[in-house]
């Protein structure tokens, strides 16, 4: 079992990402989130290093979406990851978001754990 985490900065892509999970019969939970860099920028406007960083990200939305999905099968996970990578095109569109996967040792409180032996 694996937990896929996607931090999506381009919230215009949210519906498309949800469709990818739906097409592959995967559940997902979407949370509102904000990156620590944005918080620091908002609180440290007068510090020179932060003002120069602000110029780099000015105009970007301060909030993003974090999508979490627990996927049991490795082949299903790989298909979902491939489709998300294809949709977001990270290489040509930096800053659109990032994704990572971690193993899940145990899962409680969902229908997934009924099938685990």
PDB file of N, CA and C in Angstrom:
ATOM      1  N   UNK A   1       0.835  -1.174   0.000  1.00  0.00           N
ATOM      2  CA  UNK A   1       0.000   0.000   0.000  1.00  0.00           C
ATOM      3  C   UNK A   1       0.879   1.235   0.000  1.00  0.00           C
ATOM      4  N   UNK A   2       0.357   2.289  -0.655  1.00  0.00           N
ATOM      5  CA  UNK A   2       1.140   3.508  -0.827  1.00  0.00           C
ATOM      6  C   UNK A   2       0.245   4.721  -0.582  1.00  0.00           C
ATOM      7  N   UNK A   3       0.848   5.775  -0.058  1.00  0.00           N
ATOM      8  CA  UNK A   3       0.150   7.050   0.081  1.00  0.00           C
ATOM      9  C   UNK A   3       0.774   8.028  -0.915  1.00  0.00           C
ATOM     10  N   UNK A   4      -0.072   8.531  -1.800  1.00  0.00           N
ATOM     11  CA  UNK A   4       0.364   9.521  -2.779  1.00  0.00           C
ATOM     12  C   UNK A   4      -0.042  10.888  -2.255  1.00  0.00           C
ATOM     13  N   UNK A   5       0.910  11.814  -2.238  1.00  0.00           N
ATOM     14  CA  UNK A   5       0.661  13.193  -1.830  1.00  0.00           C
ATOM     15  C   UNK A   5       0.955  14.097  -3.016  1.00  0.00           C
ATOM     16  N   UNK A   6       0.010  14.934  -3.358  1.00  0.00           N
ATOM     17  CA  UNK A   6       0.193  15.905  -4.435  1.00  0.00           C
ATOM     18  C   UNK A   6      -0.112  17.288  -3.890  1.00  0.00           C
ATOM     19  N   UNK A   7       0.885  18.168  -3.921  1.00  0.00           N
ATOM     20  CA  UNK A   7       0.683  19.555  -3.544  1.00  0.00           C
ATOM     21  C   UNK A   7       0.498  20.297  -4.856  1.00  0.00           C
ATOM     22  N   UNK A   8      -0.702  20.765  -5.077  1.00  0.00           N
ATOM     23  CA  UNK A   8      -1.087  21.353  -6.355  1.00  0.00           C
ATOM     24  C   UNK A   8      -1.177  22.865  -6.229  1.00  0.00           C
ATOM     25  N   UNK A   9      -0.224  23.563  -6.835  1.00  0.00           N
ATOM     26  CA  UNK A   9      -0.233  25.023  -6.810  1.00  0.00           C
ATOM     27  C   UNK A   9      -1.192  25.597  -7.848  1.00  0.00           C
ATOM     28  N   UNK A  10      -1.321  24.932  -8.975  1.00  0.00           N
ATOM     29  CA  UNK A  10      -2.239  25.375 -10.031  1.00  0.00           C
ATOM     30  C   UNK A  10      -3.605  24.763  -9.766  1.00  0.00           C
ATOM     31  N   UNK A  11      -4.426  25.477  -8.990  1.00  0.00           N
ATOM     32  CA  UNK A  11      -5.718  24.925  -8.585  1.00  0.00           C
ATOM     33  C   UNK A  11      -6.697  24.821  -9.746  1.00  0.00           C
ATOM     34  N   UNK A  12      -6.388  25.419 -10.884  1.00  0.00           N
ATOM     35  CA  UNK A  12      -7.228  25.259 -12.071  1.00  0.00           C
ATOM     36  C   UNK A  12      -7.201  23.810 -12.572  1.00  0.00           C
ATOM     37  N   UNK A  13      -6.183  23.063 -12.182  1.00  0.00           N
ATOM     38  CA  UNK A  13      -6.041  21.665 -12.594  1.00  0.00           C
ATOM     39  C   UNK A  13      -6.748  20.691 -11.646  1.00  0.00           C
ATOM     40  N   UNK A  14      -7.371  21.200 -10.594  1.00  0.00           N
ATOM     41  CA  UNK A  14      -7.929  20.334  -9.553  1.00  0.00           C
ATOM     42  C   UNK A  14      -8.975  19.357 -10.099  1.00  0.00           C
ATOM     43  N   UNK A  15      -9.910  19.831 -10.889  1.00  0.00           N
ATOM     44  CA  UNK A  15     -10.951  18.940 -11.421  1.00  0.00           C
ATOM     45  C   UNK A  15     -10.350  17.850 -12.296  1.00  0.00           C
ATOM     46  N   UNK A  16      -9.374  18.204 -13.105  1.00  0.00           N
ATOM     47  CA  UNK A  16      -8.718  17.224 -13.970  1.00  0.00           C
ATOM     48  C   UNK A  16      -8.000  16.165 -13.140  1.00  0.00           C
ATOM     49  N   UNK A  17      -7.349  16.584 -12.071  1.00  0.00           N
ATOM     50  CA  UNK A  17      -6.654  15.637 -11.190  1.00  0.00           C
ATOM     51  C   UNK A  17      -7.660  14.713 -10.512  1.00  0.00           C
ATOM     52  N   UNK A  18      -8.779  15.265 -10.052  1.00  0.00           N
ATOM     53  CA  UNK A  18      -9.820  14.430  -9.448  1.00  0.00           C
ATOM     54  C   UNK A  18     -10.329  13.387 -10.443  1.00  0.00           C
ATOM     55  N   UNK A  19     -10.468  13.778 -11.701  1.00  0.00           N
ATOM     56  CA  UNK A  19     -10.917  12.841 -12.739  1.00  0.00           C
ATOM     57  C   UNK A  19      -9.931  11.690 -12.915  1.00  0.00           C
ATOM     58  N   UNK A  20      -8.641  11.974 -12.801  1.00  0.00           N
ATOM     59  CA  UNK A  20      -7.626  10.919 -12.917  1.00  0.00           C
ATOM     60  C   UNK A  20      -7.817   9.881 -11.811  1.00  0.00           C
ATOM     61  N   UNK A  21      -8.008  10.341 -10.595  1.00  0.00           N
ATOM     62  CA  UNK A  21      -8.244   9.406  -9.488  1.00  0.00           C
ATOM     63  C   UNK A  21      -9.526   8.607  -9.721  1.00  0.00           C
ATOM     64  N   UNK A  22     -10.576   9.280 -10.169  1.00  0.00           N
ATOM     65  CA  UNK A  22     -11.859   8.614 -10.418  1.00  0.00           C
ATOM     66  C   UNK A  22     -11.731   7.555 -11.507  1.00  0.00           C
ATOM     67  N   UNK A  23     -11.055   7.896 -12.604  1.00  0.00           N
ATOM     68  CA  UNK A  23     -10.882   6.963 -13.722  1.00  0.00           C
ATOM     69  C   UNK A  23     -10.146   5.689 -13.304  1.00  0.00           C
ATOM     70  N   UNK A  24      -9.269   5.816 -12.323  1.00  0.00           N
ATOM     71  CA  UNK A  24      -8.481   4.665 -11.866  1.00  0.00           C
ATOM     72  C   UNK A  24      -9.063   4.036 -10.600  1.00  0.00           C
ATOM     73  N   UNK A  25     -10.284   4.429 -10.271  1.00  0.00           N
ATOM     74  CA  UNK A  25     -11.004   3.871  -9.128  1.00  0.00           C
ATOM     75  C   UNK A  25     -10.229   4.022  -7.817  1.00  0.00           C
ATOM     76  N   UNK A  26      -9.706   5.216  -7.624  1.00  0.00           N
ATOM     77  CA  UNK A  26      -8.964   5.544  -6.402  1.00  0.00           C
ATOM     78  C   UNK A  26      -9.688   6.667  -5.669  1.00  0.00           C
ATOM     79  N   UNK A  27      -9.815   6.522  -4.379  1.00  0.00           N
ATOM     80  CA  UNK A  27     -10.337   7.615  -3.572  1.00  0.00           C
ATOM     81  C   UNK A  27      -9.228   8.618  -3.306  1.00  0.00           C
ATOM     82  N   UNK A  28      -9.611   9.824  -2.960  1.00  0.00           N
ATOM     83  CA  UNK A  28      -8.633  10.859  -2.642  1.00  0.00           C
ATOM     84  C   UNK A  28      -9.298  11.899  -1.747  1.00  0.00           C
ATOM     85  N   UNK A  29      -8.505  12.521  -0.913  1.00  0.00           N
ATOM     86  CA  UNK A  29      -8.968  13.603  -0.055  1.00  0.00           C
ATOM     87  C   UNK A  29      -8.203  14.861  -0.422  1.00  0.00           C
ATOM     88  N   UNK A  30      -8.916  15.961  -0.577  1.00  0.00           N
ATOM     89  CA  UNK A  30      -8.295  17.226  -0.953  1.00  0.00           C
ATOM     90  C   UNK A  30      -8.409  18.207   0.206  1.00  0.00           C
ATOM     91  N   UNK A  31      -7.275  18.800   0.550  1.00  0.00           N
ATOM     92  CA  UNK A  31      -7.195  19.749   1.664  1.00  0.00           C
ATOM     93  C   UNK A  31      -6.703  21.101   1.168  1.00  0.00           C
ATOM     94  N   UNK A  32      -7.210  22.179   1.751  1.00  0.00           N
ATOM     95  CA  UNK A  32      -6.641  23.496   1.495  1.00  0.00           C
ATOM     96  C   UNK A  32      -5.316  23.585   2.229  1.00  0.00           C
ATOM     97  N   UNK A  33      -4.311  24.181   1.597  1.00  0.00           N
ATOM     98  CA  UNK A  33      -3.000  24.282   2.237  1.00  0.00           C
ATOM     99  C   UNK A  33      -2.292  25.549   1.773  1.00  0.00           C
ATOM    100  N   UNK A  34      -1.241  25.887   2.489  1.00  0.00           N
ATOM    101  CA  UNK A  34      -0.416  27.044   2.139  1.00  0.00           C
ATOM    102  C   UNK A  34       1.026  26.683   2.445  1.00  0.00           C
ATOM    103  N   UNK A  35       1.932  27.043   1.544  1.00  0.00           N
ATOM    104  CA  UNK A  35       3.348  26.744   1.738  1.00  0.00           C
ATOM    105  C   UNK A  35       3.989  27.673   2.754  1.00  0.00           C
ATOM    106  N   UNK A  36       4.978  27.163   3.448  1.00  0.00           N
ATOM    107  CA  UNK A  36       5.664  27.947   4.478  1.00  0.00           C
ATOM    108  C   UNK A  36       6.366  29.159   3.882  1.00  0.00           C
ATOM    109  N   UNK A  37       6.846  29.050   2.664  1.00  0.00           N
ATOM    110  CA  UNK A  37       7.498  30.189   2.011  1.00  0.00           C
ATOM    111  C   UNK A  37       6.569  31.380   1.904  1.00  0.00           C
ATOM    112  N   UNK A  38       5.321  31.133   1.565  1.00  0.00           N
ATOM    113  CA  UNK A  38       4.337  32.221   1.462  1.00  0.00           C
ATOM    114  C   UNK A  38       4.076  32.849   2.825  1.00  0.00           C
ATOM    115  N   UNK A  39       4.005  32.020   3.860  1.00  0.00           N
ATOM    116  CA  UNK A  39       3.774  32.535   5.210  1.00  0.00           C
ATOM    117  C   UNK A  39       4.935  33.426   5.631  1.00  0.00           C
ATOM    118  N   UNK A  40       6.172  32.963   5.391  1.00  0.00           N
ATOM    119  CA  UNK A  40       7.346  33.762   5.752  1.00  0.00           C
ATOM    120  C   UNK A  40       7.382  35.080   4.993  1.00  0.00           C
ATOM    121  N   UNK A  41       7.024  35.036   3.721  1.00  0.00           N
ATOM    122  CA  UNK A  41       7.006  36.258   2.922  1.00  0.00           C
ATOM    123  C   UNK A  41       6.011  37.271   3.471  1.00  0.00           C
ATOM    124  N   UNK A  42       4.858  36.794   3.880  1.00  0.00           N
ATOM    125  CA  UNK A  42       3.826  37.690   4.392  1.00  0.00           C
ATOM    126  C   UNK A  42       4.210  38.297   5.735  1.00  0.00           C
ATOM    127  N   UNK A  43       5.009  37.593   6.541  1.00  0.00           N
ATOM    128  CA  UNK A  43       5.346  38.063   7.885  1.00  0.00           C
ATOM    129  C   UNK A  43       6.680  38.790   7.960  1.00  0.00           C
ATOM    130  N   UNK A  44       7.497  38.705   6.930  1.00  0.00           N
ATOM    131  CA  UNK A  44       8.838  39.295   6.982  1.00  0.00           C
ATOM    132  C   UNK A  44       9.089  40.194   5.784  1.00  0.00           C
ATOM    133  N   UNK A  45       8.154  41.088   5.510  1.00  0.00           N
ATOM    134  CA  UNK A  45       8.240  41.943   4.337  1.00  0.00           C
ATOM    135  C   UNK A  45       9.454  42.878   4.351  1.00  0.00           C
ATOM    136  N   UNK A  46       9.907  43.281   5.526  1.00  0.00           N
ATOM    137  CA  UNK A  46      10.963  44.294   5.609  1.00  0.00           C
ATOM    138  C   UNK A  46      12.374  43.710   5.650  1.00  0.00           C
ATOM    139  N   UNK A  47      12.501  42.406   5.722  1.00  0.00           N
ATOM    140  CA  UNK A  47      13.812  41.770   5.711  1.00  0.00           C
ATOM    141  C   UNK A  47      14.251  41.655   4.252  1.00  0.00           C
ATOM    142  N   UNK A  48      15.445  42.180   3.897  1.00  0.00           N
ATOM    143  CA  UNK A  48      15.868  42.239   2.491  1.00  0.00           C
ATOM    144  C   UNK A  48      15.797  40.913   1.738  1.00  0.00           C
ATOM    145  N   UNK A  49      16.203  39.834   2.358  1.00  0.00           N
ATOM    146  CA  UNK A  49      16.194  38.549   1.657  1.00  0.00           C
ATOM    147  C   UNK A  49      14.771  38.149   1.280  1.00  0.00           C
ATOM    148  N   UNK A  50      13.820  38.431   2.161  1.00  0.00           N
ATOM    149  CA  UNK A  50      12.441  38.070   1.873  1.00  0.00           C
ATOM    150  C   UNK A  50      11.832  38.982   0.814  1.00  0.00           C
ATOM    151  N   UNK A  51      12.232  40.249   0.794  1.00  0.00           N
ATOM    152  CA  UNK A  51      11.684  41.133  -0.235  1.00  0.00           C
ATOM    153  C   UNK A  51      12.165  40.736  -1.622  1.00  0.00           C
ATOM    154  N   UNK A  52      13.406  40.247  -1.730  1.00  0.00           N
ATOM    155  CA  UNK A  52      13.883  39.804  -3.043  1.00  0.00           C
ATOM    156  C   UNK A  52      13.221  38.489  -3.452  1.00  0.00           C
ATOM    157  N   UNK A  53      12.954  37.621  -2.492  1.00  0.00           N
ATOM    158  CA  UNK A  53      12.229  36.387  -2.798  1.00  0.00           C
ATOM    159  C   UNK A  53      10.796  36.718  -3.206  1.00  0.00           C
ATOM    160  N   UNK A  54      10.213  37.704  -2.546  1.00  0.00           N
ATOM    161  CA  UNK A  54       8.839  38.120  -2.872  1.00  0.00           C
ATOM    162  C   UNK A  54       8.730  38.499  -4.347  1.00  0.00           C
ATOM    163  N   UNK A  55       9.741  39.158  -4.869  1.00  0.00           N
ATOM    164  CA  UNK A  55       9.715  39.565  -6.278  1.00  0.00           C
ATOM    165  C   UNK A  55       9.674  38.350  -7.200  1.00  0.00           C
ATOM    166  N   UNK A  56      10.285  37.257  -6.775  1.00  0.00           N
ATOM    167  CA  UNK A  56      10.283  36.042  -7.597  1.00  0.00           C
ATOM    168  C   UNK A  56       8.914  35.381  -7.644  1.00  0.00           C
ATOM    169  N   UNK A  57       8.178  35.432  -6.549  1.00  0.00           N
ATOM    170  CA  UNK A  57       6.903  34.717  -6.490  1.00  0.00           C
ATOM    171  C   UNK A  57       5.697  35.647  -6.520  1.00  0.00           C
ATOM    172  N   UNK A  58       5.927  36.934  -6.674  1.00  0.00           N
ATOM    173  CA  UNK A  58       4.829  37.886  -6.672  1.00  0.00           C
ATOM    174  C   UNK A  58       3.826  37.527  -7.764  1.00  0.00           C
ATOM    175  N   UNK A  59       2.583  37.584  -7.422  1.00  0.00           N
ATOM    176  CA  UNK A  59       1.542  37.249  -8.375  1.00  0.00           C
ATOM    177  C   UNK A  59       1.062  35.820  -8.253  1.00  0.00           C
ATOM    178  N   UNK A  60       1.863  34.957  -7.658  1.00  0.00           N
ATOM    179  CA  UNK A  60       1.432  33.577  -7.444  1.00  0.00           C
ATOM    180  C   UNK A  60       0.359  33.549  -6.366  1.00  0.00           C
ATOM    181  N   UNK A  61      -0.539  32.587  -6.466  1.00  0.00           N
ATOM    182  CA  UNK A  61      -1.564  32.435  -5.444  1.00  0.00           C
ATOM    183  C   UNK A  61      -0.916  31.893  -4.173  1.00  0.00           C
ATOM    184  N   UNK A  62      -1.287  32.433  -3.018  1.00  0.00           N
ATOM    185  CA  UNK A  62      -0.657  31.989  -1.777  1.00  0.00           C
ATOM    186  C   UNK A  62      -1.155  30.634  -1.302  1.00  0.00           C
ATOM    187  N   UNK A  63      -2.252  30.154  -1.832  1.00  0.00           N
ATOM    188  CA  UNK A  63      -2.822  28.912  -1.339  1.00  0.00           C
ATOM    189  C   UNK A  63      -2.746  27.834  -2.410  1.00  0.00           C
ATOM    190  N   UNK A  64      -2.709  26.605  -1.947  1.00  0.00           N
ATOM    191  CA  UNK A  64      -2.692  25.477  -2.868  1.00  0.00           C
ATOM    192  C   UNK A  64      -3.604  24.391  -2.317  1.00  0.00           C
ATOM    193  N   UNK A  65      -3.640  23.278  -2.995  1.00  0.00           N
ATOM    194  CA  UNK A  65      -4.436  22.133  -2.566  1.00  0.00           C
ATOM    195  C   UNK A  65      -3.487  20.959  -2.346  1.00  0.00           C
ATOM    196  N   UNK A  66      -3.707  20.223  -1.279  1.00  0.00           N
ATOM    197  CA  UNK A  66      -2.957  19.003  -1.032  1.00  0.00           C
ATOM    198  C   UNK A  66      -3.929  17.842  -1.190  1.00  0.00           C
ATOM    199  N   UNK A  67      -3.575  16.923  -2.085  1.00  0.00           N
ATOM    200  CA  UNK A  67      -4.417  15.764  -2.369  1.00  0.00           C
ATOM    201  C   UNK A  67      -3.693  14.525  -1.842  1.00  0.00           C
ATOM    202  N   UNK A  68      -4.422  13.725  -1.074  1.00  0.00           N
ATOM    203  CA  UNK A  68      -3.859  12.510  -0.486  1.00  0.00           C
ATOM    204  C   UNK A  68      -4.707  11.330  -0.948  1.00  0.00           C
ATOM    205  N   UNK A  69      -4.033  10.279  -1.388  1.00  0.00           N
ATOM    206  CA  UNK A  69      -4.729   9.068  -1.797  1.00  0.00           C
ATOM    207  C   UNK A  69      -3.933   7.854  -1.330  1.00  0.00           C
ATOM    208  N   UNK A  70      -4.617   6.897  -0.713  1.00  0.00           N
ATOM    209  CA  UNK A  70      -3.991   5.630  -0.338  1.00  0.00           C
ATOM    210  C   UNK A  70      -4.374   4.611  -1.413  1.00  0.00           C
ATOM    211  N   UNK A  71      -3.347   4.069  -2.066  1.00  0.00           N
ATOM    212  CA  UNK A  71      -3.552   3.156  -3.185  1.00  0.00           C
ATOM    213  C   UNK A  71      -2.869   1.832  -2.859  1.00  0.00           C
ATOM    214  N   UNK A  72      -3.620   0.766  -2.941  1.00  0.00           N
ATOM    215  CA  UNK A  72      -3.102  -0.534  -2.522  1.00  0.00           C
ATOM    216  C   UNK A  72      -2.143  -1.157  -3.532  1.00  0.00           C
ATOM    217  N   UNK A  73      -2.517  -1.157  -4.806  1.00  0.00           N
ATOM    218  CA  UNK A  73      -1.738  -1.866  -5.823  1.00  0.00           C
ATOM    219  C   UNK A  73      -0.694  -0.971  -6.470  1.00  0.00           C
ATOM    220  N   UNK A  74       0.518  -1.489  -6.618  1.00  0.00           N
ATOM    221  CA  UNK A  74       1.625  -0.738  -7.206  1.00  0.00           C
ATOM    222  C   UNK A  74       1.347  -0.385  -8.660  1.00  0.00           C
ATOM    223  N   UNK A  75       0.750  -1.296  -9.432  1.00  0.00           N
ATOM    224  CA  UNK A  75       0.489  -0.991 -10.840  1.00  0.00           C
ATOM    225  C   UNK A  75      -0.549   0.117 -10.989  1.00  0.00           C
ATOM    226  N   UNK A  76      -1.555   0.146 -10.131  1.00  0.00           N
ATOM    227  CA  UNK A  76      -2.544   1.226 -10.159  1.00  0.00           C
ATOM    228  C   UNK A  76      -1.891   2.544  -9.768  1.00  0.00           C
ATOM    229  N   UNK A  77      -1.054   2.512  -8.737  1.00  0.00           N
ATOM    230  CA  UNK A  77      -0.315   3.703  -8.326  1.00  0.00           C
ATOM    231  C   UNK A  77       0.506   4.247  -9.497  1.00  0.00           C
ATOM    232  N   UNK A  78       1.231   3.373 -10.169  1.00  0.00           N
ATOM    233  CA  UNK A  78       2.081   3.798 -11.285  1.00  0.00           C
ATOM    234  C   UNK A  78       1.261   4.458 -12.389  1.00  0.00           C
ATOM    235  N   UNK A  79       0.080   3.922 -12.676  1.00  0.00           N
ATOM    236  CA  UNK A  79      -0.777   4.509 -13.713  1.00  0.00           C
ATOM    237  C   UNK A  79      -1.258   5.901 -13.308  1.00  0.00           C
ATOM    238  N   UNK A  80      -1.655   6.048 -12.052  1.00  0.00           N
ATOM    239  CA  UNK A  80      -2.116   7.342 -11.556  1.00  0.00           C
ATOM    240  C   UNK A  80      -0.971   8.356 -11.596  1.00  0.00           C
ATOM    241  N   UNK A  81       0.195   7.957 -11.115  1.00  0.00           N
ATOM    242  CA  UNK A  81       1.367   8.851 -11.118  1.00  0.00           C
ATOM    243  C   UNK A  81       1.709   9.273 -12.544  1.00  0.00           C
ATOM    244  N   UNK A  82       1.711   8.323 -13.483  1.00  0.00           N
ATOM    245  CA  UNK A  82       2.026   8.645 -14.877  1.00  0.00           C
ATOM    246  C   UNK A  82       1.042   9.658 -15.455  1.00  0.00           C
ATOM    247  N   UNK A  83      -0.248   9.471 -15.192  1.00  0.00           N
ATOM    248  CA  UNK A  83      -1.268  10.390 -15.716  1.00  0.00           C
ATOM    249  C   UNK A  83      -1.139  11.779 -15.094  1.00  0.00           C
ATOM    250  N   UNK A  84      -0.864  11.836 -13.796  1.00  0.00           N
ATOM    251  CA  UNK A  84      -0.695  13.134 -13.142  1.00  0.00           C
ATOM    252  C   UNK A  84       0.545  13.832 -13.690  1.00  0.00           C
ATOM    253  N   UNK A  85       1.640  13.091 -13.833  1.00  0.00           N
ATOM    254  CA  UNK A  85       2.862  13.681 -14.397  1.00  0.00           C
ATOM    255  C   UNK A  85       2.616  14.216 -15.808  1.00  0.00           C
ATOM    256  N   UNK A  86       1.883  13.459 -16.588  1.00  0.00           N
ATOM    257  CA  UNK A  86       1.561  13.878 -17.952  1.00  0.00           C
ATOM    258  C   UNK A  86       0.711  15.157 -17.943  1.00  0.00           C
ATOM    259  N   UNK A  87      -0.272  15.200 -17.063  1.00  0.00           N
ATOM    260  CA  UNK A  87      -1.172  16.359 -16.985  1.00  0.00           C
ATOM    261  C   UNK A  87      -0.461  17.613 -16.487  1.00  0.00           C
ATOM    262  N   UNK A  88       0.372  17.473 -15.469  1.00  0.00           N
ATOM    263  CA  UNK A  88       0.998  18.646 -14.859  1.00  0.00           C
ATOM    264  C   UNK A  88       2.265  19.098 -15.580  1.00  0.00           C
ATOM    265  N   UNK A  89       2.945  18.189 -16.272  1.00  0.00           N
ATOM    266  CA  UNK A  89       4.112  18.548 -17.080  1.00  0.00           C
ATOM    267  C   UNK A  89       5.097  19.414 -16.273  1.00  0.00           C
ATOM    268  N   UNK A  90       5.574  18.867 -15.157  1.00  0.00           N
ATOM    269  CA  UNK A  90       6.437  19.594 -14.223  1.00  0.00           C
ATOM    270  C   UNK A  90       7.674  20.206 -14.868  1.00  0.00           C
ATOM    271  N   UNK A  91       8.260  19.505 -15.818  1.00  0.00           N
ATOM    272  CA  UNK A  91       9.519  19.963 -16.410  1.00  0.00           C
ATOM    273  C   UNK A  91       9.334  21.275 -17.159  1.00  0.00           C
ATOM    274  N   UNK A  92       8.233  21.380 -17.895  1.00  0.00           N
ATOM    275  CA  UNK A  92       7.996  22.573 -18.695  1.00  0.00           C
ATOM    276  C   UNK A  92       7.206  23.652 -17.960  1.00  0.00           C
ATOM    277  N   UNK A  93       6.642  23.304 -16.830  1.00  0.00           N
ATOM    278  CA  UNK A  93       5.837  24.251 -16.057  1.00  0.00           C
ATOM    279  C   UNK A  93       6.269  24.216 -14.591  1.00  0.00           C
ATOM    280  N   UNK A  94       7.448  24.735 -14.281  1.00  0.00           N
ATOM    281  CA  UNK A  94       7.908  24.700 -12.879  1.00  0.00           C
ATOM    282  C   UNK A  94       6.975  25.491 -11.966  1.00  0.00           C
ATOM    283  N   UNK A  95       6.825  25.001 -10.751  1.00  0.00           N
ATOM    284  CA  UNK A  95       5.996  25.689  -9.760  1.00  0.00           C
ATOM    285  C   UNK A  95       4.540  25.264  -9.770  1.00  0.00           C
ATOM    286  N   UNK A  96       4.157  24.392 -10.699  1.00  0.00           N
ATOM    287  CA  UNK A  96       2.759  23.965 -10.796  1.00  0.00           C
ATOM    288  C   UNK A  96       2.368  23.071  -9.614  1.00  0.00           C
ATOM    289  N   UNK A  97       3.354  22.422  -9.010  1.00  0.00           N
ATOM    290  CA  UNK A  97       3.116  21.564  -7.858  1.00  0.00           C
ATOM    291  C   UNK A  97       4.198  20.513  -7.754  1.00  0.00           C
ATOM    292  N   UNK A  98       4.058  19.630  -6.772  1.00  0.00           N
ATOM    293  CA  UNK A  98       4.981  18.499  -6.673  1.00  0.00           C
ATOM    294  C   UNK A  98       4.267  17.325  -6.002  1.00  0.00           C
ATOM    295  N   UNK A  99       4.801  16.145  -6.254  1.00  0.00           N
ATOM    296  CA  UNK A  99       4.160  14.926  -5.799  1.00  0.00           C
ATOM    297  C   UNK A  99       5.212  14.003  -5.207  1.00  0.00           C
ATOM    298  N   UNK A 100       4.802  13.248  -4.183  1.00  0.00           N
ATOM    299  CA  UNK A 100       5.670  12.211  -3.640  1.00  0.00           C
ATOM    300  C   UNK A 100       4.810  11.059  -3.140  1.00  0.00           C
ATOM    301  N   UNK A 101       5.424   9.885  -3.021  1.00  0.00           N
ATOM    302  CA  UNK A 101       4.738   8.672  -2.598  1.00  0.00           C
ATOM    303  C   UNK A 101       5.522   8.059  -1.445  1.00  0.00           C
ATOM    304  N   UNK A 102       4.804   7.603  -0.429  1.00  0.00           N
ATOM    305  CA  UNK A 102       5.432   6.927   0.705  1.00  0.00           C
ATOM    306  C   UNK A 102       4.697   5.609   0.958  1.00  0.00           C
ATOM    307  N   UNK A 103       5.411   4.604   1.465  1.00  0.00           N
ATOM    308  CA  UNK A 103       4.741   3.342   1.775  1.00  0.00           C
ATOM    309  C   UNK A 103       3.824   3.499   2.989  1.00  0.00           C
ATOM    310  N   UNK A 104       2.743   2.748   2.993  1.00  0.00           N
ATOM    311  CA  UNK A 104       1.799   2.718   4.116  1.00  0.00           C
ATOM    312  C   UNK A 104       1.917   1.352   4.774  1.00  0.00           C
ATOM    313  N   UNK A 105       2.303   1.322   6.024  1.00  0.00           N
ATOM    314  CA  UNK A 105       2.451   0.054   6.740  1.00  0.00           C
ATOM    315  C   UNK A 105       1.120  -0.488   7.219  1.00  0.00           C
ATOM    316  N   UNK A 106       0.277   0.376   7.743  1.00  0.00           N
ATOM    317  CA  UNK A 106      -1.039  -0.007   8.233  1.00  0.00           C
ATOM    318  C   UNK A 106      -2.029   1.080   7.870  1.00  0.00           C
ATOM    319  N   UNK A 107      -3.285   0.698   7.720  1.00  0.00           N
ATOM    320  CA  UNK A 107      -4.343   1.651   7.407  1.00  0.00           C
ATOM    321  C   UNK A 107      -5.572   1.271   8.217  1.00  0.00           C
ATOM    322  N   UNK A 108      -6.097   2.194   8.996  1.00  0.00           N
ATOM    323  CA  UNK A 108      -7.242   1.924   9.861  1.00  0.00           C
ATOM    324  C   UNK A 108      -8.369   2.891   9.547  1.00  0.00           C
ATOM    325  N   UNK A 109      -9.576   2.424   9.737  1.00  0.00           N
ATOM    326  CA  UNK A 109     -10.724   3.304   9.582  1.00  0.00           C
ATOM    327  C   UNK A 109     -11.200   3.474   8.153  1.00  0.00           C
ATOM    328  N   UNK A 110     -10.786   2.609   7.260  1.00  0.00           N
ATOM    329  CA  UNK A 110     -11.288   2.668   5.897  1.00  0.00           C
ATOM    330  C   UNK A 110     -11.592   1.264   5.420  1.00  0.00           C
ATOM    331  N   UNK A 111     -12.255   1.163   4.285  1.00  0.00           N
ATOM    332  CA  UNK A 111     -12.595  -0.157   3.763  1.00  0.00           C
ATOM    333  C   UNK A 111     -11.372  -0.912   3.282  1.00  0.00           C
ATOM    334  N   UNK A 112     -10.246  -0.225   3.091  1.00  0.00           N
ATOM    335  CA  UNK A 112      -9.012  -0.887   2.648  1.00  0.00           C
ATOM    336  C   UNK A 112      -8.574  -1.929   3.656  1.00  0.00           C
ATOM    337  N   UNK A 113      -8.644  -1.627   4.952  1.00  0.00           N
ATOM    338  CA  UNK A 113      -8.102  -2.531   5.961  1.00  0.00           C
ATOM    339  C   UNK A 113      -8.902  -3.823   6.110  1.00  0.00           C
ATOM    340  N   UNK A 114     -10.100  -3.918   5.544  1.00  0.00           N
ATOM    341  CA  UNK A 114     -10.886  -5.148   5.617  1.00  0.00           C
ATOM    342  C   UNK A 114     -10.261  -6.275   4.805  1.00  0.00           C
ATOM    343  N   UNK A 115      -9.535  -5.900   3.740  1.00  0.00           N
ATOM    344  CA  UNK A 115      -8.954  -6.894   2.854  1.00  0.00           C
ATOM    345  C   UNK A 115      -7.531  -7.276   3.230  1.00  0.00           C
ATOM    346  N   UNK A 116      -6.928  -6.577   4.168  1.00  0.00           N
ATOM    347  CA  UNK A 116      -5.538  -6.824   4.546  1.00  0.00           C
ATOM    348  C   UNK A 116      -5.454  -8.005   5.494  1.00  0.00           C
ATOM    349  N   UNK A 117      -4.568  -8.885   5.215  1.00  0.00           N
ATOM    350  CA  UNK A 117      -4.381 -10.055   6.082  1.00  0.00           C
ATOM    351  C   UNK A 117      -3.066  -9.946   6.801  1.00  0.00           C
TER     352      UNK A 117
END
